[in-house]
C-alpha atoms as a PDB file:
ATOM      1  CA  MET A   1      -2.647  15.919   8.940  1.00  0.00           C
ATOM      2  CA  LYS A   2      -0.686  12.373  10.437  1.00  0.00           C
ATOM      3  CA  VAL A   3      -0.990   8.906   8.366  1.00  0.00           C
ATOM      4  CA  ILE A   4       0.744   5.675   9.449  1.00  0.00           C
ATOM      5  CA  GLY A   5       1.407   2.531   7.093  1.00  0.00           C
ATOM      6  CA  PHE A   6       1.291  -0.749   9.465  1.00  0.00           C
ATOM      7  CA  GLY A   7       2.452  -3.798   8.542  1.00  0.00           C
ATOM      8  CA  ASP A   8       4.566  -5.048   5.422  1.00  0.00           C
ATOM      9  CA  ASN A   9       8.150  -3.883   4.456  1.00  0.00           C
ATOM     10  CA  ILE A  10      10.173  -6.004   2.330  1.00  0.00           C
ATOM     11  CA  VAL A  11      13.276  -5.596   0.288  1.00  0.00           C
ATOM     12  CA  ASP A  12      12.781  -5.382  -3.547  1.00  0.00           C
ATOM     13  CA  ARG A  13      15.733  -6.815  -5.514  1.00  0.00           C
ATOM     14  CA  PHE A  14      15.623  -6.606  -9.389  1.00  0.00           C
ATOM     15  CA  LEU A  15      17.780  -9.245 -10.512  1.00  0.00           C
ATOM     16  CA  ASP A  16      18.062  -7.641 -14.046  1.00  0.00           C
ATOM     17  CA  ARG A  17      19.612  -4.387 -13.060  1.00  0.00           C
ATOM     18  CA  LYS A  18      21.791  -6.151  -9.572  1.00  0.00           C
ATOM     19  CA  VAL A  19      20.312  -3.418  -7.931  1.00  0.00           C
ATOM     20  CA  MET A  20      17.892  -3.869  -4.232  1.00  0.00           C
ATOM     21  CA  TYR A  21      15.200  -1.207  -3.377  1.00  0.00           C
ATOM     22  CA  PRO A  22      13.660  -1.039  -0.267  1.00  0.00           C
ATOM     23  CA  GLY A  23       9.484  -1.120  -0.487  1.00  0.00           C
ATOM     24  CA  GLY A  24       6.761  -3.209   0.714  1.00  0.00           C
ATOM     25  CA  ASN A  25       2.923  -1.881   0.442  1.00  0.00           C
ATOM     26  CA  CYS A  26       2.729  -0.202   4.246  1.00  0.00           C
ATOM     27  CA  VAL A  27       6.014   1.425   3.831  1.00  0.00           C
ATOM     28  CA  ASN A  28       5.720   2.625   0.470  1.00  0.00           C
ATOM     29  CA  PHE A  29       2.278   4.380   1.586  1.00  0.00           C
ATOM     30  CA  ALA A  30       3.944   6.237   4.257  1.00  0.00           C
ATOM     31  CA  VAL A  31       6.929   7.339   2.126  1.00  0.00           C
ATOM     32  CA  LEU A  32       4.757   9.031  -0.489  1.00  0.00           C
ATOM     33  CA  ALA A  33       2.892  10.276   1.567  1.00  0.00           C
ATOM     34  CA  ARG A  34       5.050  12.289   3.697  1.00  0.00           C
ATOM     35  CA  ARG A  35       6.645  13.157   0.094  1.00  0.00           C
ATOM     36  CA  LEU A  36       3.534  14.980  -0.354  1.00  0.00           C
ATOM     37  CA  GLY A  37       3.947  16.485   2.172  1.00  0.00           C
ATOM     38  CA  VAL A  38       1.822  14.153   5.380  1.00  0.00           C
ATOM     39  CA  GLU A  39       3.258  13.605   8.493  1.00  0.00           C
ATOM     40  CA  SER A  40       3.664   9.527   8.405  1.00  0.00           C
ATOM     41  CA  ALA A  41       5.039   6.679  10.289  1.00  0.00           C
ATOM     42  CA  TYR A  42       5.305   3.660   9.581  1.00  0.00           C
ATOM     43  CA  LEU A  43       4.592   0.604  12.134  1.00  0.00           C
ATOM     44  CA  GLY A  44       5.922  -3.413  11.980  1.00  0.00           C
ATOM     45  CA  VAL A  45       8.725  -5.337  12.499  1.00  0.00           C
ATOM     46  CA  PHE A  46      11.677  -5.518  10.988  1.00  0.00           C
ATOM     47  CA  GLY A  47      14.431  -9.042  10.543  1.00  0.00           C
ATOM     48  CA  SER A  48      17.882  -8.941  12.042  1.00  0.00           C
ATOM     49  CA  ASP A  49      19.710  -9.072   9.112  1.00  0.00           C
ATOM     50  CA  PRO A  50      21.562  -6.684   6.990  1.00  0.00           C
ATOM     51  CA  LEU A  51      18.390  -6.053   4.653  1.00  0.00           C
ATOM     52  CA  GLY A  52      16.366  -5.044   7.420  1.00  0.00           C
ATOM     53  CA  ALA A  53      19.071  -2.712   8.664  1.00  0.00           C
ATOM     54  CA  PHE A  54      18.926  -1.877   4.957  1.00  0.00           C
ATOM     55  CA  VAL A  55      15.192  -0.816   4.464  1.00  0.00           C
ATOM     56  CA  ARG A  56      14.694   0.920   7.944  1.00  0.00           C
ATOM     57  CA  ALA A  57      17.516   2.842   7.187  1.00  0.00           C
ATOM     58  CA  ALA A  58      15.788   4.479   3.994  1.00  0.00           C
ATOM     59  CA  ILE A  59      12.276   5.004   5.762  1.00  0.00           C
ATOM     60  CA  HIS A  60      14.191   7.167   8.085  1.00  0.00           C
ATOM     61  CA  ASP A  61      15.873   8.697   5.996  1.00  0.00           C
ATOM     62  CA  ALA A  62      12.963   9.660   4.061  1.00  0.00           C
ATOM     63  CA  GLY A  63      11.470  10.835   7.082  1.00  0.00           C
ATOM     64  CA  VAL A  64       9.640   8.438   8.372  1.00  0.00           C
ATOM     65  CA  ASP A  65       8.960   8.010  11.700  1.00  0.00           C
ATOM     66  CA  VAL A  66      10.039   4.098  12.869  1.00  0.00           C
ATOM     67  CA  SER A  67      10.620   4.718  16.462  1.00  0.00           C
ATOM     68  CA  ARG A  68       8.081   2.365  17.644  1.00  0.00           C
ATOM     69  CA  CYS A  69       8.675  -0.588  15.275  1.00  0.00           C
ATOM     70  CA  MET A  70      10.431  -3.822  16.172  1.00  0.00           C
ATOM     71  CA  ILE A  71      13.331  -5.929  15.694  1.00  0.00           C
ATOM     72  CA  ARG A  72      12.778  -9.657  15.555  1.00  0.00           C
ATOM     73  CA  GLU A  73      15.473 -12.600  15.040  1.00  0.00           C
ATOM     74  CA  GLY A  74      15.071 -14.213  11.196  1.00  0.00           C
ATOM     75  CA  PRO A  75      15.199 -12.710   7.847  1.00  0.00           C
ATOM     76  CA  ASN A  76      13.526  -9.505   6.603  1.00  0.00           C
ATOM     77  CA  GLY A  77      11.064  -9.883   3.997  1.00  0.00           C
ATOM     78  CA  VAL A  78      12.452 -10.027   0.269  1.00  0.00           C
ATOM     79  CA  THR A  79      11.051 -10.528  -3.129  1.00  0.00           C
ATOM     80  CA  GLU A  80      12.927 -10.911  -6.640  1.00  0.00           C
ATOM     81  CA  ILE A  81      11.933  -9.406  -9.724  1.00  0.00           C
ATOM     82  CA  LYS A  82      12.500  -8.706 -12.904  1.00  0.00           C
ATOM     83  CA  VAL A  83      11.394  -5.465 -15.457  1.00  0.00           C
ATOM     84  CA  VAL A  84       9.750  -6.320 -18.484  1.00  0.00           C
ATOM     85  CA  ASP A  85       9.127  -3.475 -21.013  1.00  0.00           C
ATOM     86  CA  GLY A  86       8.251  -1.461 -18.111  1.00  0.00           C
ATOM     87  CA  ASP A  87       6.256  -3.587 -16.265  1.00  0.00           C
ATOM     88  CA  ARG A  88       7.685  -5.376 -13.057  1.00  0.00           C
ATOM     89  CA  ILE A  89       7.630  -9.172 -12.557  1.00  0.00           C
ATOM     90  CA  PHE A  90       7.852 -10.614  -9.097  1.00  0.00           C
ATOM     91  CA  LEU A  91       9.973 -14.280  -9.540  1.00  0.00           C
ATOM     92  CA  GLY A  92       9.565 -15.304  -5.936  1.00  0.00           C
ATOM     93  CA  TRP A  93       9.742 -14.084  -2.237  1.00  0.00           C
ATOM     94  CA  ASN A  94      10.495 -15.489   1.000  1.00  0.00           C
ATOM     95  CA  ASP A  95       6.785 -15.145   2.217  1.00  0.00           C
ATOM     96  CA  GLY A  96       7.702 -11.889   4.006  1.00  0.00           C
ATOM     97  CA  GLY A  97      10.212 -13.355   6.572  1.00  0.00           C
ATOM     98  CA  VAL A  98       9.461 -11.976  10.075  1.00  0.00           C
ATOM     99  CA  THR A  99       6.738  -9.999   9.106  1.00  0.00           C
ATOM    100  CA  THR A 100       4.091 -12.699   8.543  1.00  0.00           C
ATOM    101  CA  SER A 101       6.262 -15.619  10.984  1.00  0.00           C
ATOM    102  CA  GLN A 102       6.237 -13.470  13.869  1.00  0.00           C
ATOM    103  CA  PRO A 103       3.285 -10.708  13.408  1.00  0.00           C
ATOM    104  CA  PHE A 104       3.112  -7.205  14.816  1.00  0.00           C
ATOM    105  CA  THR A 105       0.485  -7.364  17.771  1.00  0.00           C
ATOM    106  CA  LEU A 106      -0.736  -4.361  19.294  1.00  0.00           C
ATOM    107  CA  GLU A 107      -0.438  -3.469  22.866  1.00  0.00           C
ATOM    108  CA  PRO A 108      -2.179  -0.626  24.274  1.00  0.00           C
ATOM    109  CA  GLU A 109       0.620   1.706  23.566  1.00  0.00           C
ATOM    110  CA  HIS A 110       0.967   0.783  20.451  1.00  0.00           C
ATOM    111  CA  LEU A 111      -3.126   1.136  19.925  1.00  0.00           C
ATOM    112  CA  ASP A 112      -2.838   4.609  22.023  1.00  0.00           C
ATOM    113  CA  TYR A 113      -0.206   5.769  18.628  1.00  0.00           C
ATOM    114  CA  LEU A 114      -2.668   4.618  16.241  1.00  0.00           C
ATOM    115  CA  ALA A 115      -5.280   6.852  17.575  1.00  0.00           C
ATOM    116  CA  THR A 116      -2.707   9.962  16.731  1.00  0.00           C
ATOM    117  CA  ALA A 117      -3.229   9.512  13.273  1.00  0.00           C
ATOM    118  CA  ASP A 118      -6.314  10.293  10.764  1.00  0.00           C
ATOM    119  CA  LEU A 119      -5.986   7.194   8.890  1.00  0.00           C
ATOM    120  CA  VAL A 120      -4.157   3.885   9.179  1.00  0.00           C
ATOM    121  CA  HIS A 121      -2.895   1.824   6.204  1.00  0.00           C
ATOM    122  CA  SER A 122      -2.280  -1.962   6.291  1.00  0.00           C
ATOM    123  CA  SER A 123      -2.542  -4.541   3.605  1.00  0.00           C
ATOM    124  CA  VAL A 124      -2.876  -8.585   2.429  1.00  0.00           C
ATOM    125  CA  TYR A 125       0.995  -8.965   3.235  1.00  0.00           C
ATOM    126  CA  SER A 126       0.877  -7.470   6.993  1.00  0.00           C
ATOM    127  CA  ALA A 127      -0.287 -10.384   8.521  1.00  0.00           C
ATOM    128  CA  SER A 128      -2.621  -8.307  10.014  1.00  0.00           C
ATOM    129  CA  GLU A 129      -6.061  -9.348   9.693  1.00  0.00           C
ATOM    130  CA  SER A 130      -6.580 -10.404  13.414  1.00  0.00           C
ATOM    131  CA  GLN A 131      -5.460  -6.661  14.719  1.00  0.00           C
ATOM    132  CA  LEU A 132      -7.971  -4.490  12.319  1.00  0.00           C
ATOM    133  CA  PRO A 133     -10.586  -4.644  14.448  1.00  0.00           C
ATOM    134  CA  ALA A 134      -8.717  -2.796  17.250  1.00  0.00           C
ATOM    135  CA  VAL A 135      -7.023  -0.756  14.421  1.00  0.00           C
ATOM    136  CA  ARG A 136     -10.799   0.551  13.430  1.00  0.00           C
ATOM    137  CA  ALA A 137     -11.499   1.077  17.305  1.00  0.00           C
ATOM    138  CA  THR A 138      -8.699   3.761  17.511  1.00  0.00           C
ATOM    139  CA  GLY A 139     -10.629   5.924  15.756  1.00  0.00           C
ATOM    140  CA  ALA A 140      -8.667   6.972  12.798  1.00  0.00           C
ATOM    141  CA  LEU A 141      -9.658   5.879   9.445  1.00  0.00           C
ATOM    142  CA  VAL A 142      -8.646   2.688   8.087  1.00  0.00           C
ATOM    143  CA  SER A 143      -7.471   1.806   4.443  1.00  0.00           C
ATOM    144  CA  PHE A 144      -6.770  -1.711   3.122  1.00  0.00           C
ATOM    145  CA  ASP A 145      -4.920  -3.014  -0.039  1.00  0.00           C
ATOM    146  CA  TYR A 146      -6.267  -6.439  -1.186  1.00  0.00           C
ATOM    147  CA  SER A 147      -3.754  -7.015  -3.797  1.00  0.00           C
ATOM    148  CA  SER A 148      -4.649  -9.461  -6.892  1.00  0.00           C
ATOM    149  CA  GLU A 149      -4.357 -12.639  -5.349  1.00  0.00           C
ATOM    150  CA  PRO A 150      -7.786 -14.805  -5.579  1.00  0.00           C
ATOM    151  CA  GLU A 151      -7.454 -16.089  -2.402  1.00  0.00           C
ATOM    152  CA  ARG A 152      -7.722 -12.875  -0.721  1.00  0.00           C
ATOM    153  CA  ARG A 153     -11.162 -12.035  -2.955  1.00  0.00           C
ATOM    154  CA  THR A 154     -13.266 -14.927  -1.450  1.00  0.00           C
ATOM    155  CA  ASP A 155     -16.121 -13.913   0.674  1.00  0.00           C
ATOM    156  CA  HIS A 156     -14.696 -15.790   4.182  1.00  0.00           C
ATOM    157  CA  TYR A 157     -11.663 -13.205   3.729  1.00  0.00           C
ATOM    158  CA  PHE A 158     -13.981 -10.245   3.006  1.00  0.00           C
ATOM    159  CA  GLY A 159     -16.366 -11.144   5.641  1.00  0.00           C
ATOM    160  CA  GLN A 160     -13.044 -10.871   8.019  1.00  0.00           C
ATOM    161  CA  THR A 161     -11.364  -7.661   6.949  1.00  0.00           C
ATOM    162  CA  ALA A 162     -14.121  -5.489   5.322  1.00  0.00           C
ATOM    163  CA  PRO A 163     -16.521  -4.751   8.066  1.00  0.00           C
ATOM    164  CA  PHE A 164     -12.870  -2.519   9.546  1.00  0.00           C
ATOM    165  CA  VAL A 165     -11.948  -0.939   6.498  1.00  0.00           C
ATOM    166  CA  ASP A 166     -12.954   2.822   5.163  1.00  0.00           C
ATOM    167  CA  LEU A 167     -11.138   2.618   2.054  1.00  0.00           C
ATOM    168  CA  ALA A 168     -10.930  -0.977  -0.067  1.00  0.00           C
ATOM    169  CA  LEU A 169      -7.933  -1.292  -2.878  1.00  0.00           C
ATOM    170  CA  LEU A 170      -8.384  -3.872  -5.602  1.00  0.00           C
ATOM    171  CA  SER A 171      -5.909  -4.311  -8.156  1.00  0.00           C
ATOM    172  CA  LEU A 172      -7.870  -5.231 -11.006  1.00  0.00           C
ATOM    173  CA  GLY A 173      -5.630  -5.023 -13.925  1.00  0.00           C
ATOM    174  CA  GLY A 174      -6.401  -6.569 -17.090  1.00  0.00           C
ATOM    175  CA  GLN A 175      -9.974  -7.628 -16.071  1.00  0.00           C
ATOM    176  CA  PRO A 176     -13.272  -5.921 -17.651  1.00  0.00           C
ATOM    177  CA  LEU A 177     -15.238  -3.190 -16.343  1.00  0.00           C
ATOM    178  CA  GLU A 178     -18.193  -5.270 -15.588  1.00  0.00           C
ATOM    179  CA  ALA A 179     -15.888  -7.832 -13.356  1.00  0.00           C
ATOM    180  CA  VAL A 180     -14.184  -4.752 -11.900  1.00  0.00           C
ATOM    181  CA  GLU A 181     -17.603  -3.296 -10.794  1.00  0.00           C
ATOM    182  CA  ARG A 182     -18.715  -7.268  -8.998  1.00  0.00           C
ATOM    183  CA  GLU A 183     -15.779  -7.199  -7.264  1.00  0.00           C
ATOM    184  CA  LEU A 184     -15.795  -3.737  -6.206  1.00  0.00           C
ATOM    185  CA  ARG A 185     -19.566  -4.175  -5.202  1.00  0.00           C
ATOM    186  CA  ARG A 186     -18.382  -7.900  -3.303  1.00  0.00           C
ATOM    187  CA  VAL A 187     -15.935  -5.671  -0.582  1.00  0.00           C
ATOM    188  CA  ILE A 188     -18.569  -3.076  -0.201  1.00  0.00           C
ATOM    189  CA  ALA A 189     -21.657  -5.455   0.733  1.00  0.00           C
ATOM    190  CA  ALA A 190     -18.962  -6.910   3.068  1.00  0.00           C
ATOM    191  CA  GLY A 191     -18.435  -4.078   5.096  1.00  0.00           C
ATOM    192  CA  ALA A 192     -16.097  -1.624   3.489  1.00  0.00           C
ATOM    193  CA  ALA A 193     -17.382   2.103   3.146  1.00  0.00           C
ATOM    194  CA  LEU A 194     -15.112   2.958  -0.522  1.00  0.00           C
ATOM    195  CA  ALA A 195     -13.985   0.580  -2.778  1.00  0.00           C
ATOM    196  CA  VAL A 196     -11.604   1.365  -5.628  1.00  0.00           C
ATOM    197  CA  GLY A 197     -10.345  -0.846  -8.225  1.00  0.00           C
ATOM    198  CA  THR A 198      -7.165  -0.065 -10.249  1.00  0.00           C
ATOM    199  CA  ARG A 199      -6.295  -0.915 -13.420  1.00  0.00           C
ATOM    200  CA  GLY A 200      -3.297   0.194 -14.605  1.00  0.00           C
ATOM    201  CA  ALA A 201      -2.894   1.466 -18.556  1.00  0.00           C
ATOM    202  CA  ALA A 202      -7.279   1.210 -17.901  1.00  0.00           C
ATOM    203  CA  GLY A 203      -7.357   3.739 -14.878  1.00  0.00           C
ATOM    204  CA  ALA A 204      -9.264   2.854 -12.008  1.00  0.00           C
ATOM    205  CA  VAL A 205     -12.854   2.761 -10.813  1.00  0.00           C
ATOM    206  CA  LEU A 206     -14.005   3.766  -7.171  1.00  0.00           C
ATOM    207  CA  PHE A 207     -17.399   3.079  -5.828  1.00  0.00           C
ATOM    208  CA  ASP A 208     -19.126   4.762  -2.892  1.00  0.00           C
ATOM    209  CA  GLY A 209     -21.896   1.713  -2.596  1.00  0.00           C
ATOM    210  CA  ASN A 210     -24.170   3.871  -4.766  1.00  0.00           C
ATOM    211  CA  GLU A 211     -22.594   5.324  -7.682  1.00  0.00           C
ATOM    212  CA  PHE A 212     -19.338   4.316 -10.280  1.00  0.00           C
ATOM    213  CA  PHE A 213     -16.724   6.871 -11.289  1.00  0.00           C
ATOM    214  CA  THR A 214     -14.041   6.250 -12.948  1.00  0.00           C
ATOM    215  CA  GLN A 215     -10.997   7.573 -14.280  1.00  0.00           C
ATOM    216  CA  GLU A 216      -7.979   7.360 -17.044  1.00  0.00           C
ATOM    217  CA  ALA A 217      -4.582   6.485 -16.175  1.00  0.00           C
ATOM    218  CA  GLY A 218      -2.181   9.802 -15.998  1.00  0.00           C
ATOM    219  CA  GLY A 219      -0.161   9.939 -19.187  1.00  0.00           C
ATOM    220  CA  THR A 220       3.328   9.528 -19.089  1.00  0.00           C
ATOM    221  CA  ASP A 221       6.744  10.777 -21.033  1.00  0.00           C
ATOM    222  CA  ALA A 222       7.581   7.096 -22.380  1.00  0.00           C
ATOM    223  CA  ARG A 223      11.889   8.741 -22.268  1.00  0.00           C
ATOM    224  CA  ARG A 224      11.376   9.083 -18.276  1.00  0.00           C
ATOM    225  CA  PHE A 225       9.958   5.740 -17.536  1.00  0.00           C
ATOM    226  CA  ALA A 226      11.642   3.454 -14.866  1.00  0.00           C
ATOM    227  CA  ASP A 227       9.136   1.070 -13.922  1.00  0.00           C
ATOM    228  CA  THR A 228       6.060   0.331 -12.504  1.00  0.00           C
ATOM    229  CA  MET A 229       7.071  -0.287  -9.244  1.00  0.00           C
ATOM    230  CA  GLY A 230       4.825   1.514  -6.731  1.00  0.00           C
ATOM    231  CA  CYS A 231       2.429   2.657  -8.925  1.00  0.00           C
ATOM    232  CA  GLY A 232      -0.886   1.090  -7.338  1.00  0.00           C
ATOM    233  CA  ASP A 233       0.905   2.155  -3.821  1.00  0.00           C
ATOM    234  CA  ALA A 234       1.229   6.000  -5.290  1.00  0.00           C
ATOM    235  CA  PHE A 235      -2.641   6.034  -6.410  1.00  0.00           C
ATOM    236  CA  LEU A 236      -3.723   4.788  -2.929  1.00  0.00           C
ATOM    237  CA  THR A 237      -1.301   7.427  -1.773  1.00  0.00           C
ATOM    238  CA  GLY A 238      -2.549  10.035  -3.592  1.00  0.00           C
ATOM    239  CA  LEU A 239      -6.167   9.149  -3.109  1.00  0.00           C
ATOM    240  CA  VAL A 240      -6.205   8.812   0.886  1.00  0.00           C
ATOM    241  CA  VAL A 241      -4.169  12.542   1.121  1.00  0.00           C
ATOM    242  CA  SER A 242      -6.508  14.370  -1.579  1.00  0.00           C
ATOM    243  CA  LEU A 243      -9.777  12.966   0.495  1.00  0.00           C
ATOM    244  CA  LEU A 244      -7.724  14.086   3.955  1.00  0.00           C
ATOM    245  CA  LYS A 245      -7.057  17.313   2.991  1.00  0.00           C
ATOM    246  CA  ALA A 246     -10.764  17.424   1.795  1.00  0.00           C
ATOM    247  CA  GLY A 247     -11.917  17.020   5.523  1.00  0.00           C
ATOM    248  CA  TRP A 248     -13.238  12.990   5.064  1.00  0.00           C
ATOM    249  CA  THR A 249     -13.378  11.496   8.345  1.00  0.00           C
ATOM    250  CA  ARG A 250     -15.522   8.432   9.336  1.00  0.00           C
ATOM    251  CA  HIS A 251     -18.130  10.555  10.112  1.00  0.00           C
ATOM    252  CA  SER A 252     -18.324  13.218   7.047  1.00  0.00           C
ATOM    253  CA  PRO A 253     -17.789  10.992   3.865  1.00  0.00           C
ATOM    254  CA  PRO A 254     -16.422  12.783   0.878  1.00  0.00           C
ATOM    255  CA  SER A 255     -18.432  14.586  -1.440  1.00  0.00           C
ATOM    256  CA  HIS A 256     -18.899  13.125  -5.372  1.00  0.00           C
ATOM    257  CA  GLY A 257     -17.081  16.333  -6.189  1.00  0.00           C
ATOM    258  CA  CYS A 258     -14.176  15.205  -3.606  1.00  0.00           C
ATOM    259  CA  LEU A 259     -13.949  11.604  -4.924  1.00  0.00           C
ATOM    260  CA  ARG A 260     -13.875  12.718  -8.649  1.00  0.00           C
ATOM    261  CA  GLU A 261     -10.951  15.597  -7.665  1.00  0.00           C
ATOM    262  CA  ALA A 262      -9.248  12.935  -5.525  1.00  0.00           C
ATOM    263  CA  LEU A 263      -9.194   9.972  -8.317  1.00  0.00           C
ATOM    264  CA  ALA A 264      -7.704  12.741 -10.843  1.00  0.00           C
ATOM    265  CA  PHE A 265      -5.351  13.408  -8.063  1.00  0.00           C
ATOM    266  CA  ALA A 266      -4.417   9.866  -7.576  1.00  0.00           C
ATOM    267  CA  ALA A 267      -4.075   9.432 -11.354  1.00  0.00           C
ATOM    268  CA  GLY A 268      -1.471  12.048 -11.483  1.00  0.00           C
ATOM    269  CA  THR A 269       0.589  10.812  -8.048  1.00  0.00           C
ATOM    270  CA  ALA A 270       0.495   7.377  -9.945  1.00  0.00           C
ATOM    271  CA  ALA A 271       2.051   8.753 -13.193  1.00  0.00           C
ATOM    272  CA  GLU A 272       4.476  10.129 -11.448  1.00  0.00           C
ATOM    273  CA  GLN A 273       5.735   7.098  -9.829  1.00  0.00           C
ATOM    274  CA  CYS A 274       6.574   5.352 -12.803  1.00  0.00           C
ATOM    275  CA  TYR A 275       9.669   7.602 -13.530  1.00  0.00           C
ATOM    276  CA  VAL A 276      11.340   6.768  -9.862  1.00  0.00           C
ATOM    277  CA  GLU A 277      13.469   3.265  -9.953  1.00  0.00           C
ATOM    278  CA  GLY A 278      12.153   0.732  -7.561  1.00  0.00           C
ATOM    279  CA  ALA A 279       9.230   1.741  -4.766  1.00  0.00           C
ATOM    280  CA  PHE A 280      11.071   5.311  -4.027  1.00  0.00           C
ATOM    281  CA  GLY A 281      14.894   4.962  -4.760  1.00  0.00           C
ATOM    282  CA  TYR A 282      17.261   4.108  -2.141  1.00  0.00           C
ATOM    283  CA  GLY A 283      18.948   1.385  -4.771  1.00  0.00           C
ATOM    284  CA  ARG A 284      21.864  -0.444  -3.742  1.00  0.00           C
ATOM    285  CA  PRO A 285      23.827  -3.070  -5.812  1.00  0.00           C
ATOM    286  CA  VAL A 286      23.433  -6.575  -4.771  1.00  0.00           C
ATOM    287  CA  VAL A 287      26.530  -8.822  -5.530  1.00  0.00           C
ATOM    288  CA  ALA A 288      25.496 -12.453  -6.486  1.00  0.00           C
ATOM    289  CA  PRO A 289      22.207 -12.525  -4.772  1.00  0.00           C
ATOM    290  CA  THR A 290      21.427 -15.791  -3.455  1.00  0.00           C
ATOM    291  CA  ARG A 291      17.846 -17.105  -5.335  1.00  0.00           C
ATOM    292  CA  ILE A 292      14.914 -17.542  -3.327  1.00  0.00           C
END
C-alpha cells in the first residue's frame, strides 16, 4: 500500500510558544500515514528560504519520500498561530508562498510516479485544482480536503473539483447536523464518491450517496492534551488507511461495515493527535519572528 500527498506544505509558527513546526495538509497526511505503517511520499514545491529547508528536512526525517519535490526561488509558506484553551487560532499567513505563487505542474514523469500510489491526497491550499483530472487519470484514488472557507464551497468550486474526487473532506465544526448533511449532499451531487464532514467535539458524518453514517469523537485525556493542530488531517488519514486496508478501490467501493470500522479508527487517530505538539512534532524555537 502506498499513498502520496500532493500539494501544500507550510511552517506553522506558534507565537504564544515561540516555536515553529513543519506542516501543511498534504504533508501532514503523508507523515501521519507513514506513522500508521503505510509507505508514503510527498510531492510539492518548497521555498528556497530556510523555512523551506526546515520543513523538507523534517518530512524526510519522518520517513516520507520527498525525492520528486521541487525547490523554487521565493518564500516557503508560513502561518502564524496561537493556542487558546487547546484550540489553534490562525492569525495570518503569506498565501502559501511558492506553493501557490509557483504551483506544481505535473509532467509525464510525475504522473507515472503518482500512478504507483493507491491514493493521492490534495487540498484547497495546494493550487492543484487544474491538476486533479490528470491525477485521477493515473488510476489512483483521489482524496481532497475542502477545509472550511465558504469560497471553496460554491457550486462552481465543487463543479471544478468534485468530479475528480473519490473522498471529499469538509470541516463543518459548529454547524447543526442538518447543515452538515446538506453540504455532504452537495459535494456528492457535484461528483464526489464519498464525503465526510468533521465536526470537532461533535464527531463526524460520512455520506456515501445513499446513507449517512455518524461517528462520535474519540475521548482524550486532558492531562496529556497539547493542541488540536492536525486533528482533521489525522482523521482523514486514519479513514483512508483503514479503507485501503479493507480493499477500497475505485471499482470496489467500501461496504457499510468497512465504512463504520474506518470511521471508528479515524476517530481514534484524531484523538491521539491531540497529544502531539504541532502537526507531527519537530518543533524549533523561533527568535523574534516577523509578523506576516
